[in-house]
Amino acid sequence: MSSKQNQVDTEQSEALEQEQQAAEASQAEQQETVQPDAAYVAELEQKLAAAESSAKTEKDSALRAVAEMENIRRRAAQDVEKAQKFALEKFVGELLPVIDSLERAIEHTSDESDAFKAVHEGVELTLKSLLSAVEKFGVEQIDPKGQPFDPNKHQAMSMVESDEVAPNAVLAVMMKGYELNGRVLRPAMVMVAKGPAIDTQA
């Protein structure tokens, strides 16, 4: 009886020991499955860093491409606008001598003389019509008599002492200037006033 009891106890003890070993082995397997080795984790982190770097590079490239396309679009729009505004520049430049000739003809004919009155009026009307036509396309006269001298729009041909206008003002216009949509086609040829000379022998 005692011998059988010992055998049962031994068998139970062995069974419990086997179960415990099986449980420990299962737990070890689970730990290996849940906790991968350090080398694998390092490899994954390296791949993640490379992917993030590549994504940042691609994003920067895309942003640069968008910015470049916007710059190209803006430049193209500006070129079209300039082409529309200044397409007539050469043509108007060819008309300026004609306008000058008409103005000189008016200056050298008199509307008081019966012989030249009709001619004077006809030339004057022609000049007004021509100026009105070119004004519709953005052409404006630069006639700065009495205005301050502007080197961007006026070309000084001489300086004369005068007390009629302030110093550095336009005293007379020898030839009118013209601009097209704000761009100077030809500066006005002007005579500029300067203050009277100071007498140092007082």
N, C-alpha and C. Protein backbone atom coordinates (compact mmCIF):
# COMPACT_ATOMS: atom_id res chain seq x y z
N MET A 1 0.84 -1.18 0.00
CA MET A 1 0.00 0.00 0.00
C MET A 1 0.86 1.22 0.00
N SER A 2 1.81 1.22 0.80
CA SER A 2 2.75 2.33 0.91
C SER A 2 3.57 2.44 -0.36
N SER A 3 3.94 1.35 -0.94
CA SER A 3 4.72 1.35 -2.17
C SER A 3 3.90 1.90 -3.32
N LYS A 4 2.61 1.53 -3.39
CA LYS A 4 1.72 2.04 -4.43
C LYS A 4 1.51 3.54 -4.27
N GLN A 5 1.37 3.93 -3.01
CA GLN A 5 1.16 5.37 -2.75
C GLN A 5 2.36 6.17 -3.21
N ASN A 6 3.55 5.65 -2.92
CA ASN A 6 4.77 6.33 -3.35
C ASN A 6 4.86 6.41 -4.87
N GLN A 7 4.42 5.35 -5.54
CA GLN A 7 4.46 5.34 -7.00
C GLN A 7 3.51 6.38 -7.57
N VAL A 8 2.32 6.47 -6.93
CA VAL A 8 1.32 7.46 -7.40
C VAL A 8 1.86 8.86 -7.20
N ASP A 9 2.44 9.04 -5.99
CA ASP A 9 2.99 10.38 -5.71
C ASP A 9 4.10 10.72 -6.71
N THR A 10 4.91 9.75 -7.03
CA THR A 10 6.01 9.99 -7.97
C THR A 10 5.47 10.33 -9.35
N GLU A 11 4.47 9.59 -9.79
CA GLU A 11 3.87 9.84 -11.09
C GLU A 11 3.23 11.23 -11.16
N GLN A 12 2.54 11.57 -10.06
CA GLN A 12 1.90 12.89 -10.02
C GLN A 12 2.96 14.00 -10.03
N SER A 13 4.04 13.75 -9.30
CA SER A 13 5.11 14.74 -9.25
C SER A 13 5.76 14.92 -10.62
N GLU A 14 5.96 13.79 -11.33
CA GLU A 14 6.54 13.86 -12.67
C GLU A 14 5.61 14.57 -13.64
N ALA A 15 4.30 14.27 -13.46
CA ALA A 15 3.30 14.90 -14.34
C ALA A 15 3.29 16.41 -14.11
N LEU A 16 3.33 16.80 -12.84
CA LEU A 16 3.34 18.23 -12.53
C LEU A 16 4.60 18.90 -13.07
N GLU A 17 5.71 18.19 -12.95
CA GLU A 17 6.97 18.74 -13.44
C GLU A 17 6.95 18.91 -14.96
N GLN A 18 6.36 17.93 -15.66
CA GLN A 18 6.25 18.02 -17.12
C GLN A 18 5.35 19.19 -17.54
N GLU A 19 4.24 19.33 -16.78
CA GLU A 19 3.32 20.43 -17.09
C GLU A 19 4.01 21.78 -16.88
N GLN A 20 4.79 21.86 -15.80
CA GLN A 20 5.50 23.11 -15.52
C GLN A 20 6.54 23.41 -16.59
N GLN A 21 7.26 22.39 -17.06
CA GLN A 21 8.24 22.57 -18.12
C GLN A 21 7.57 23.00 -19.42
N ALA A 22 6.40 22.36 -19.68
CA ALA A 22 5.66 22.71 -20.90
C ALA A 22 5.19 24.16 -20.83
N ALA A 23 4.73 24.57 -19.63
CA ALA A 23 4.26 25.95 -19.46
C ALA A 23 5.41 26.93 -19.63
N GLU A 24 6.59 26.60 -19.07
CA GLU A 24 7.75 27.48 -19.19
C GLU A 24 8.19 27.59 -20.66
N ALA A 25 8.15 26.43 -21.36
CA ALA A 25 8.55 26.43 -22.77
C ALA A 25 7.58 27.29 -23.60
N SER A 26 6.26 27.15 -23.29
CA SER A 26 5.24 27.96 -24.01
C SER A 26 5.44 29.45 -23.75
N GLN A 27 5.73 29.77 -22.47
CA GLN A 27 5.95 31.17 -22.11
C GLN A 27 7.18 31.74 -22.81
N ALA A 28 8.23 30.94 -22.92
CA ALA A 28 9.45 31.37 -23.60
C ALA A 28 9.19 31.63 -25.08
N GLU A 29 8.36 30.71 -25.67
CA GLU A 29 8.02 30.90 -27.09
C GLU A 29 7.24 32.19 -27.29
N GLN A 30 6.29 32.43 -26.36
CA GLN A 30 5.49 33.66 -26.47
C GLN A 30 6.38 34.90 -26.33
N GLN A 31 7.33 34.85 -25.42
CA GLN A 31 8.23 35.99 -25.24
C GLN A 31 9.07 36.23 -26.49
N GLU A 32 9.53 35.12 -27.11
CA GLU A 32 10.31 35.25 -28.33
C GLU A 32 9.47 35.83 -29.46
N THR A 33 8.16 35.40 -29.49
CA THR A 33 7.27 35.91 -30.53
C THR A 33 6.94 37.38 -30.31
N VAL A 34 6.64 37.77 -29.07
CA VAL A 34 6.23 39.14 -28.76
C VAL A 34 7.43 40.08 -28.78
N GLN A 35 8.57 39.64 -28.30
CA GLN A 35 9.75 40.48 -28.21
C GLN A 35 10.79 40.03 -29.22
N PRO A 36 10.77 40.65 -30.44
CA PRO A 36 11.78 40.29 -31.43
C PRO A 36 13.16 40.74 -30.97
N ASP A 37 14.15 40.23 -31.61
CA ASP A 37 15.51 40.55 -31.17
C ASP A 37 15.89 41.98 -31.53
N ALA A 38 16.91 42.52 -30.88
CA ALA A 38 17.33 43.92 -31.00
C ALA A 38 17.78 44.25 -32.43
N ALA A 39 18.39 43.29 -33.11
CA ALA A 39 18.88 43.54 -34.47
C ALA A 39 17.72 43.83 -35.42
N TYR A 40 16.63 43.08 -35.26
CA TYR A 40 15.45 43.28 -36.12
C TYR A 40 14.82 44.65 -35.87
N VAL A 41 14.74 45.02 -34.57
CA VAL A 41 14.19 46.34 -34.23
C VAL A 41 15.05 47.45 -34.83
N ALA A 42 16.36 47.33 -34.74
CA ALA A 42 17.27 48.33 -35.29
C ALA A 42 17.10 48.43 -36.81
N GLU A 43 16.91 47.30 -37.47
CA GLU A 43 16.71 47.29 -38.92
C GLU A 43 15.42 48.02 -39.30
N LEU A 44 14.35 47.75 -38.53
CA LEU A 44 13.07 48.42 -38.79
C LEU A 44 13.19 49.93 -38.57
N GLU A 45 13.88 50.33 -37.51
CA GLU A 45 14.06 51.76 -37.23
C GLU A 45 14.85 52.44 -38.35
N GLN A 46 15.86 51.73 -38.86
CA GLN A 46 16.67 52.27 -39.95
C GLN A 46 15.82 52.45 -41.21
N LYS A 47 14.99 51.45 -41.52
CA LYS A 47 14.10 51.54 -42.68
C LYS A 47 13.09 52.67 -42.52
N LEU A 48 12.57 52.85 -41.30
CA LEU A 48 11.62 53.92 -41.04
C LEU A 48 12.27 55.29 -41.24
N ALA A 49 13.48 55.44 -40.73
CA ALA A 49 14.20 56.71 -40.88
C ALA A 49 14.46 57.01 -42.36
N ALA A 50 14.84 55.97 -43.11
CA ALA A 50 15.10 56.15 -44.55
C ALA A 50 13.82 56.54 -45.27
N ALA A 51 12.70 55.91 -44.90
CA ALA A 51 11.41 56.23 -45.53
C ALA A 51 10.99 57.66 -45.22
N GLU A 52 11.19 58.10 -43.96
CA GLU A 52 10.84 59.47 -43.58
C GLU A 52 11.70 60.48 -44.34
N SER A 53 12.99 60.18 -44.47
CA SER A 53 13.90 61.07 -45.19
C SER A 53 13.50 61.17 -46.66
N SER A 54 13.16 60.02 -47.26
CA SER A 54 12.74 60.01 -48.66
C SER A 54 11.44 60.79 -48.84
N ALA A 55 10.50 60.64 -47.90
CA ALA A 55 9.23 61.36 -47.98
C ALA A 55 9.46 62.87 -47.88
N LYS A 56 10.37 63.29 -47.00
CA LYS A 56 10.68 64.73 -46.84
C LYS A 56 11.30 65.28 -48.12
N THR A 57 12.21 64.49 -48.71
CA THR A 57 12.85 64.93 -49.96
C THR A 57 11.82 65.08 -51.07
N GLU A 58 10.93 64.09 -51.18
CA GLU A 58 9.89 64.15 -52.21
C GLU A 58 8.96 65.32 -51.99
N LYS A 59 8.63 65.61 -50.73
CA LYS A 59 7.75 66.75 -50.41
C LYS A 59 8.42 68.07 -50.80
N ASP A 60 9.71 68.19 -50.46
CA ASP A 60 10.45 69.41 -50.82
C ASP A 60 10.50 69.58 -52.34
N SER A 61 10.73 68.48 -53.05
CA SER A 61 10.79 68.55 -54.51
C SER A 61 9.44 68.97 -55.09
N ALA A 62 8.36 68.44 -54.52
CA ALA A 62 7.02 68.79 -54.99
C ALA A 62 6.73 70.26 -54.74
N LEU A 63 7.11 70.76 -53.56
CA LEU A 63 6.89 72.17 -53.24
C LEU A 63 7.68 73.08 -54.16
N ARG A 64 8.94 72.69 -54.45
CA ARG A 64 9.75 73.48 -55.37
C ARG A 64 9.14 73.49 -56.78
N ALA A 65 8.63 72.34 -57.19
CA ALA A 65 8.02 72.25 -58.53
C ALA A 65 6.78 73.14 -58.61
N VAL A 66 5.97 73.14 -57.56
CA VAL A 66 4.77 73.98 -57.53
C VAL A 66 5.16 75.45 -57.57
N ALA A 67 6.19 75.83 -56.78
CA ALA A 67 6.65 77.22 -56.75
C ALA A 67 7.19 77.64 -58.12
N GLU A 68 7.94 76.75 -58.77
CA GLU A 68 8.50 77.05 -60.09
C GLU A 68 7.40 77.22 -61.13
N MET A 69 6.39 76.36 -61.06
CA MET A 69 5.26 76.48 -61.99
C MET A 69 4.52 77.79 -61.77
N GLU A 70 4.36 78.20 -60.53
CA GLU A 70 3.70 79.48 -60.23
C GLU A 70 4.52 80.64 -60.77
N ASN A 71 5.84 80.57 -60.62
CA ASN A 71 6.71 81.63 -61.16
C ASN A 71 6.61 81.69 -62.69
N ILE A 72 6.60 80.53 -63.34
CA ILE A 72 6.48 80.49 -64.80
C ILE A 72 5.14 81.07 -65.23
N ARG A 73 4.07 80.71 -64.52
CA ARG A 73 2.74 81.23 -64.86
C ARG A 73 2.69 82.74 -64.71
N ARG A 74 3.29 83.24 -63.60
CA ARG A 74 3.29 84.68 -63.35
C ARG A 74 4.11 85.42 -64.41
N ARG A 75 5.29 84.86 -64.76
CA ARG A 75 6.11 85.51 -65.79
C ARG A 75 5.40 85.51 -67.15
N ALA A 76 4.73 84.41 -67.47
CA ALA A 76 4.00 84.33 -68.73
C ALA A 76 2.88 85.37 -68.77
N ALA A 77 2.17 85.52 -67.64
CA ALA A 77 1.09 86.52 -67.57
C ALA A 77 1.65 87.93 -67.73
N GLN A 78 2.81 88.19 -67.11
CA GLN A 78 3.43 89.51 -67.24
C GLN A 78 3.89 89.77 -68.68
N ASP A 79 4.44 88.73 -69.33
CA ASP A 79 4.89 88.88 -70.71
C ASP A 79 3.71 89.18 -71.64
N VAL A 80 2.59 88.49 -71.39
CA VAL A 80 1.40 88.72 -72.22
C VAL A 80 0.88 90.14 -72.00
N GLU A 81 0.86 90.57 -70.72
CA GLU A 81 0.39 91.91 -70.42
C GLU A 81 1.27 92.97 -71.08
N LYS A 82 2.59 92.78 -70.99
CA LYS A 82 3.52 93.73 -71.63
C LYS A 82 3.34 93.73 -73.14
N ALA A 83 3.17 92.54 -73.72
CA ALA A 83 2.99 92.46 -75.17
C ALA A 83 1.73 93.21 -75.60
N GLN A 84 0.66 93.08 -74.80
CA GLN A 84 -0.57 93.78 -75.13
C GLN A 84 -0.42 95.29 -74.96
N LYS A 85 0.30 95.70 -73.92
CA LYS A 85 0.44 97.13 -73.63
C LYS A 85 1.36 97.84 -74.61
N PHE A 86 2.45 97.15 -75.01
CA PHE A 86 3.48 97.83 -75.78
C PHE A 86 3.65 97.30 -77.20
N ALA A 87 2.64 96.57 -77.68
CA ALA A 87 2.71 96.04 -79.04
C ALA A 87 2.77 97.17 -80.07
N LEU A 88 2.17 98.32 -79.74
CA LEU A 88 2.13 99.44 -80.68
C LEU A 88 3.33 100.38 -80.56
N GLU A 89 4.29 100.04 -79.72
CA GLU A 89 5.40 100.96 -79.44
C GLU A 89 6.15 101.37 -80.71
N LYS A 90 6.49 100.40 -81.54
CA LYS A 90 7.23 100.72 -82.76
C LYS A 90 6.37 101.53 -83.72
N PHE A 91 5.10 101.15 -83.84
CA PHE A 91 4.20 101.86 -84.75
C PHE A 91 4.02 103.31 -84.32
N VAL A 92 3.80 103.53 -83.00
CA VAL A 92 3.63 104.90 -82.50
C VAL A 92 4.91 105.69 -82.70
N GLY A 93 6.05 105.04 -82.52
CA GLY A 93 7.33 105.71 -82.73
C GLY A 93 7.46 106.24 -84.16
N GLU A 94 6.89 105.50 -85.12
CA GLU A 94 6.93 105.96 -86.52
C GLU A 94 5.97 107.13 -86.74
N LEU A 95 4.94 107.24 -85.91
CA LEU A 95 3.97 108.33 -86.07
C LEU A 95 4.44 109.65 -85.46
N LEU A 96 5.38 109.59 -84.51
CA LEU A 96 5.79 110.81 -83.82
C LEU A 96 6.34 111.88 -84.77
N PRO A 97 7.18 111.54 -85.77
CA PRO A 97 7.63 112.58 -86.70
C PRO A 97 6.48 113.23 -87.48
N VAL A 98 5.44 112.44 -87.75
CA VAL A 98 4.27 112.98 -88.45
C VAL A 98 3.57 114.01 -87.58
N ILE A 99 3.40 113.66 -86.30
CA ILE A 99 2.77 114.59 -85.35
C ILE A 99 3.61 115.86 -85.22
N ASP A 100 4.94 115.70 -85.14
CA ASP A 100 5.84 116.86 -85.04
C ASP A 100 5.68 117.77 -86.27
N SER A 101 5.59 117.16 -87.44
CA SER A 101 5.47 117.96 -88.67
C SER A 101 4.16 118.74 -88.68
N LEU A 102 3.09 118.11 -88.24
CA LEU A 102 1.79 118.81 -88.19
C LEU A 102 1.85 119.98 -87.20
N GLU A 103 2.52 119.77 -86.07
CA GLU A 103 2.63 120.85 -85.09
C GLU A 103 3.44 122.02 -85.65
N ARG A 104 4.53 121.70 -86.36
CA ARG A 104 5.35 122.77 -86.96
C ARG A 104 4.56 123.52 -88.04
N ALA A 105 3.76 122.77 -88.78
CA ALA A 105 2.94 123.41 -89.82
C ALA A 105 1.96 124.40 -89.19
N ILE A 106 1.39 124.04 -88.05
CA ILE A 106 0.46 124.94 -87.36
C ILE A 106 1.20 126.18 -86.86
N GLU A 107 2.42 125.97 -86.33
CA GLU A 107 3.20 127.09 -85.81
C GLU A 107 3.58 128.08 -86.92
N HIS A 108 3.80 127.57 -88.11
CA HIS A 108 4.29 128.43 -89.19
C HIS A 108 3.20 128.91 -90.14
N THR A 109 1.97 128.60 -89.82
CA THR A 109 0.86 129.15 -90.60
C THR A 109 -0.02 129.95 -89.66
N SER A 110 -0.72 130.90 -90.18
CA SER A 110 -1.54 131.77 -89.35
C SER A 110 -3.00 131.61 -89.73
N ASP A 111 -3.85 131.61 -88.71
CA ASP A 111 -5.28 131.52 -88.99
C ASP A 111 -5.87 132.92 -89.22
N GLU A 112 -4.99 133.95 -89.14
CA GLU A 112 -5.47 135.32 -89.36
C GLU A 112 -5.42 135.69 -90.85
N SER A 113 -4.55 135.02 -91.59
CA SER A 113 -4.41 135.30 -93.02
C SER A 113 -5.43 134.46 -93.79
N ASP A 114 -6.16 135.12 -94.68
CA ASP A 114 -7.17 134.40 -95.46
C ASP A 114 -6.53 133.31 -96.32
N ALA A 115 -5.31 133.56 -96.77
CA ALA A 115 -4.64 132.60 -97.65
C ALA A 115 -4.30 131.31 -96.92
N PHE A 116 -3.98 131.41 -95.63
CA PHE A 116 -3.54 130.22 -94.87
C PHE A 116 -4.57 129.76 -93.83
N LYS A 117 -5.65 130.49 -93.70
CA LYS A 117 -6.62 130.15 -92.65
C LYS A 117 -7.18 128.73 -92.83
N ALA A 118 -7.59 128.42 -94.05
CA ALA A 118 -8.16 127.09 -94.30
C ALA A 118 -7.12 125.99 -94.09
N VAL A 119 -5.89 126.27 -94.55
CA VAL A 119 -4.81 125.29 -94.36
C VAL A 119 -4.52 125.10 -92.87
N HIS A 120 -4.44 126.20 -92.15
CA HIS A 120 -4.17 126.15 -90.71
C HIS A 120 -5.23 125.33 -89.99
N GLU A 121 -6.48 125.62 -90.29
CA GLU A 121 -7.58 124.90 -89.63
C GLU A 121 -7.58 123.43 -90.01
N GLY A 122 -7.28 123.14 -91.28
CA GLY A 122 -7.25 121.74 -91.72
C GLY A 122 -6.14 120.95 -91.04
N VAL A 123 -4.96 121.55 -90.95
CA VAL A 123 -3.84 120.88 -90.29
C VAL A 123 -4.13 120.70 -88.80
N GLU A 124 -4.71 121.72 -88.19
CA GLU A 124 -5.04 121.65 -86.76
C GLU A 124 -6.05 120.54 -86.50
N LEU A 125 -7.05 120.44 -87.35
CA LEU A 125 -8.06 119.38 -87.20
C LEU A 125 -7.45 117.99 -87.41
N THR A 126 -6.56 117.89 -88.38
CA THR A 126 -5.87 116.61 -88.63
C THR A 126 -5.04 116.20 -87.41
N LEU A 127 -4.32 117.16 -86.83
CA LEU A 127 -3.50 116.88 -85.66
C LEU A 127 -4.35 116.42 -84.49
N LYS A 128 -5.46 117.11 -84.26
CA LYS A 128 -6.35 116.73 -83.15
C LYS A 128 -6.90 115.33 -83.35
N SER A 129 -7.28 115.00 -84.57
CA SER A 129 -7.82 113.66 -84.86
C SER A 129 -6.77 112.58 -84.63
N LEU A 130 -5.54 112.87 -85.07
CA LEU A 130 -4.45 111.90 -84.91
C LEU A 130 -4.12 111.69 -83.44
N LEU A 131 -4.03 112.79 -82.67
CA LEU A 131 -3.75 112.67 -81.24
C LEU A 131 -4.86 111.93 -80.52
N SER A 132 -6.10 112.21 -80.90
CA SER A 132 -7.24 111.53 -80.29
C SER A 132 -7.20 110.03 -80.57
N ALA A 133 -6.79 109.68 -81.79
CA ALA A 133 -6.72 108.26 -82.17
C ALA A 133 -5.66 107.52 -81.37
N VAL A 134 -4.47 108.13 -81.24
CA VAL A 134 -3.40 107.43 -80.52
C VAL A 134 -3.65 107.42 -79.01
N GLU A 135 -4.36 108.42 -78.50
CA GLU A 135 -4.69 108.43 -77.06
C GLU A 135 -5.55 107.24 -76.68
N LYS A 136 -6.38 106.78 -77.60
CA LYS A 136 -7.24 105.62 -77.32
C LYS A 136 -6.43 104.36 -77.06
N PHE A 137 -5.18 104.36 -77.52
CA PHE A 137 -4.32 103.19 -77.35
C PHE A 137 -3.24 103.42 -76.29
N GLY A 138 -3.45 104.43 -75.44
CA GLY A 138 -2.56 104.65 -74.31
C GLY A 138 -1.41 105.60 -74.54
N VAL A 139 -1.44 106.35 -75.65
CA VAL A 139 -0.36 107.30 -75.94
C VAL A 139 -0.73 108.67 -75.35
N GLU A 140 0.20 109.26 -74.61
CA GLU A 140 -0.03 110.57 -74.00
C GLU A 140 1.14 111.50 -74.31
N GLN A 141 0.81 112.78 -74.49
CA GLN A 141 1.84 113.79 -74.72
C GLN A 141 2.52 114.17 -73.41
N ILE A 142 3.79 114.49 -73.51
CA ILE A 142 4.52 115.06 -72.37
C ILE A 142 4.83 116.51 -72.73
N ASP A 143 4.05 117.41 -72.15
CA ASP A 143 4.20 118.84 -72.44
C ASP A 143 4.36 119.56 -71.10
N PRO A 144 5.59 119.61 -70.55
CA PRO A 144 5.79 119.99 -69.14
C PRO A 144 6.09 121.46 -68.88
N LYS A 145 5.69 122.38 -69.75
CA LYS A 145 6.04 123.79 -69.53
C LYS A 145 5.53 124.27 -68.17
N GLY A 146 6.45 124.87 -67.39
CA GLY A 146 6.11 125.37 -66.06
C GLY A 146 6.20 124.33 -64.96
N GLN A 147 6.39 123.07 -65.32
CA GLN A 147 6.47 122.00 -64.32
C GLN A 147 7.92 121.78 -63.89
N PRO A 148 8.13 121.18 -62.72
CA PRO A 148 9.51 120.86 -62.31
C PRO A 148 10.16 119.90 -63.29
N PHE A 149 11.45 120.07 -63.49
CA PHE A 149 12.20 119.21 -64.41
C PHE A 149 12.24 117.78 -63.87
N ASP A 150 11.88 116.82 -64.73
CA ASP A 150 11.88 115.39 -64.36
C ASP A 150 12.82 114.66 -65.33
N PRO A 151 13.99 114.25 -64.86
CA PRO A 151 14.96 113.59 -65.77
C PRO A 151 14.45 112.29 -66.37
N ASN A 152 13.41 111.70 -65.77
CA ASN A 152 12.85 110.46 -66.32
C ASN A 152 11.99 110.71 -67.56
N LYS A 153 11.46 111.95 -67.67
CA LYS A 153 10.56 112.25 -68.78
C LYS A 153 11.02 113.44 -69.63
N HIS A 154 12.00 114.18 -69.12
CA HIS A 154 12.44 115.38 -69.84
C HIS A 154 13.93 115.28 -70.16
N GLN A 155 14.30 115.90 -71.26
CA GLN A 155 15.72 115.99 -71.61
C GLN A 155 16.09 117.47 -71.71
N ALA A 156 16.97 117.90 -70.81
CA ALA A 156 17.35 119.32 -70.78
C ALA A 156 18.30 119.63 -71.93
N MET A 157 17.89 120.57 -72.78
CA MET A 157 18.73 120.98 -73.90
C MET A 157 19.61 122.18 -73.52
N SER A 158 19.10 122.99 -72.59
CA SER A 158 19.87 124.15 -72.13
C SER A 158 19.28 124.64 -70.80
N MET A 159 20.07 125.47 -70.10
CA MET A 159 19.60 126.10 -68.86
C MET A 159 19.74 127.61 -69.03
N VAL A 160 18.68 128.33 -68.67
CA VAL A 160 18.63 129.77 -68.88
C VAL A 160 18.20 130.45 -67.59
N GLU A 161 18.87 131.56 -67.30
CA GLU A 161 18.45 132.35 -66.13
C GLU A 161 17.07 132.94 -66.40
N SER A 162 16.19 132.82 -65.41
CA SER A 162 14.84 133.34 -65.59
C SER A 162 14.19 133.59 -64.24
N ASP A 163 13.38 134.65 -64.20
CA ASP A 163 12.59 134.90 -63.00
C ASP A 163 11.11 134.64 -63.28
N GLU A 164 10.81 134.04 -64.46
CA GLU A 164 9.43 133.74 -64.81
C GLU A 164 8.92 132.50 -64.07
N VAL A 165 9.79 131.54 -63.93
CA VAL A 165 9.42 130.29 -63.25
C VAL A 165 10.47 129.99 -62.18
N ALA A 166 10.15 129.06 -61.30
CA ALA A 166 11.07 128.69 -60.24
C ALA A 166 12.31 128.02 -60.82
N PRO A 167 13.44 128.12 -60.15
CA PRO A 167 14.64 127.41 -60.61
C PRO A 167 14.38 125.90 -60.75
N ASN A 168 14.98 125.32 -61.77
CA ASN A 168 14.86 123.89 -62.08
C ASN A 168 13.47 123.52 -62.61
N ALA A 169 12.72 124.53 -63.06
CA ALA A 169 11.43 124.28 -63.70
C ALA A 169 11.62 124.41 -65.21
N VAL A 170 10.69 123.83 -65.96
CA VAL A 170 10.77 123.88 -67.42
C VAL A 170 10.29 125.25 -67.89
N LEU A 171 11.20 125.96 -68.55
CA LEU A 171 10.89 127.30 -69.04
C LEU A 171 10.22 127.24 -70.41
N ALA A 172 10.68 126.34 -71.25
CA ALA A 172 10.10 126.21 -72.60
C ALA A 172 10.26 124.77 -73.08
N VAL A 173 9.33 124.35 -73.93
CA VAL A 173 9.37 123.00 -74.52
C VAL A 173 9.72 123.13 -75.99
N MET A 174 10.88 122.62 -76.36
CA MET A 174 11.31 122.69 -77.76
C MET A 174 10.65 121.60 -78.60
N MET A 175 10.48 120.43 -77.99
CA MET A 175 9.79 119.32 -78.68
C MET A 175 9.07 118.49 -77.63
N LYS A 176 7.80 118.27 -77.83
CA LYS A 176 7.00 117.51 -76.86
C LYS A 176 7.46 116.05 -76.84
N GLY A 177 7.30 115.46 -75.66
CA GLY A 177 7.61 114.04 -75.52
C GLY A 177 6.34 113.22 -75.57
N TYR A 178 6.51 111.89 -75.60
CA TYR A 178 5.35 110.99 -75.65
C TYR A 178 5.65 109.74 -74.82
N GLU A 179 4.59 109.20 -74.21
CA GLU A 179 4.71 107.95 -73.47
C GLU A 179 3.56 107.03 -73.83
N LEU A 180 3.83 105.73 -73.77
CA LEU A 180 2.83 104.71 -74.10
C LEU A 180 2.59 103.87 -72.85
N ASN A 181 1.38 103.99 -72.29
CA ASN A 181 1.01 103.25 -71.08
C ASN A 181 2.06 103.41 -69.97
N GLY A 182 2.53 104.65 -69.81
CA GLY A 182 3.48 104.94 -68.74
C GLY A 182 4.93 104.75 -69.11
N ARG A 183 5.22 104.16 -70.26
CA ARG A 183 6.61 103.97 -70.70
C ARG A 183 6.98 105.12 -71.65
N VAL A 184 8.07 105.80 -71.36
CA VAL A 184 8.48 106.94 -72.17
C VAL A 184 8.99 106.47 -73.52
N LEU A 185 8.33 106.94 -74.59
CA LEU A 185 8.78 106.64 -75.95
C LEU A 185 9.84 107.65 -76.38
N ARG A 186 9.61 108.92 -76.01
CA ARG A 186 10.56 109.98 -76.33
C ARG A 186 10.43 111.05 -75.26
N PRO A 187 11.53 111.43 -74.62
CA PRO A 187 11.44 112.48 -73.60
C PRO A 187 11.19 113.84 -74.25
N ALA A 188 10.59 114.73 -73.49
CA ALA A 188 10.37 116.09 -74.00
C ALA A 188 11.70 116.84 -73.99
N MET A 189 12.00 117.54 -75.08
CA MET A 189 13.21 118.35 -75.17
C MET A 189 12.88 119.72 -74.57
N VAL A 190 13.54 120.08 -73.49
CA VAL A 190 13.12 121.28 -72.76
C VAL A 190 14.27 122.23 -72.46
N MET A 191 13.87 123.45 -72.15
CA MET A 191 14.80 124.47 -71.66
C MET A 191 14.48 124.65 -70.18
N VAL A 192 15.48 124.54 -69.34
CA VAL A 192 15.27 124.56 -67.89
C VAL A 192 15.73 125.90 -67.32
N ALA A 193 14.94 126.42 -66.40
CA ALA A 193 15.28 127.70 -65.77
C ALA A 193 16.25 127.49 -64.63
N LYS A 194 17.15 128.48 -64.50
CA LYS A 194 18.01 128.50 -63.31
C LYS A 194 17.92 129.87 -62.70
N GLY A 195 18.23 129.93 -61.42
CA GLY A 195 18.12 131.20 -60.72
C GLY A 195 19.11 132.23 -61.26
N PRO A 196 18.79 133.51 -61.08
CA PRO A 196 19.71 134.55 -61.57
C PRO A 196 21.06 134.46 -60.88
N ALA A 197 22.09 134.85 -61.60
CA ALA A 197 23.44 134.78 -61.04
C ALA A 197 23.56 135.75 -59.86
N ILE A 198 24.25 135.34 -58.84
CA ILE A 198 24.44 136.19 -57.64
C ILE A 198 25.62 137.12 -57.87
N ASP A 199 25.38 138.39 -57.69
CA ASP A 199 26.45 139.39 -57.88
C ASP A 199 27.32 139.41 -56.65
N THR A 200 28.55 138.94 -56.82
CA THR A 200 29.47 138.85 -55.66
C THR A 200 30.23 140.17 -55.45
N GLN A 201 30.08 141.12 -56.38
CA GLN A 201 30.81 142.39 -56.24
C GLN A 201 29.89 143.44 -55.61
N ALA A 202 29.42 143.16 -54.45
CA ALA A 202 28.52 144.10 -53.76
C ALA A 202 29.32 144.96 -52.81
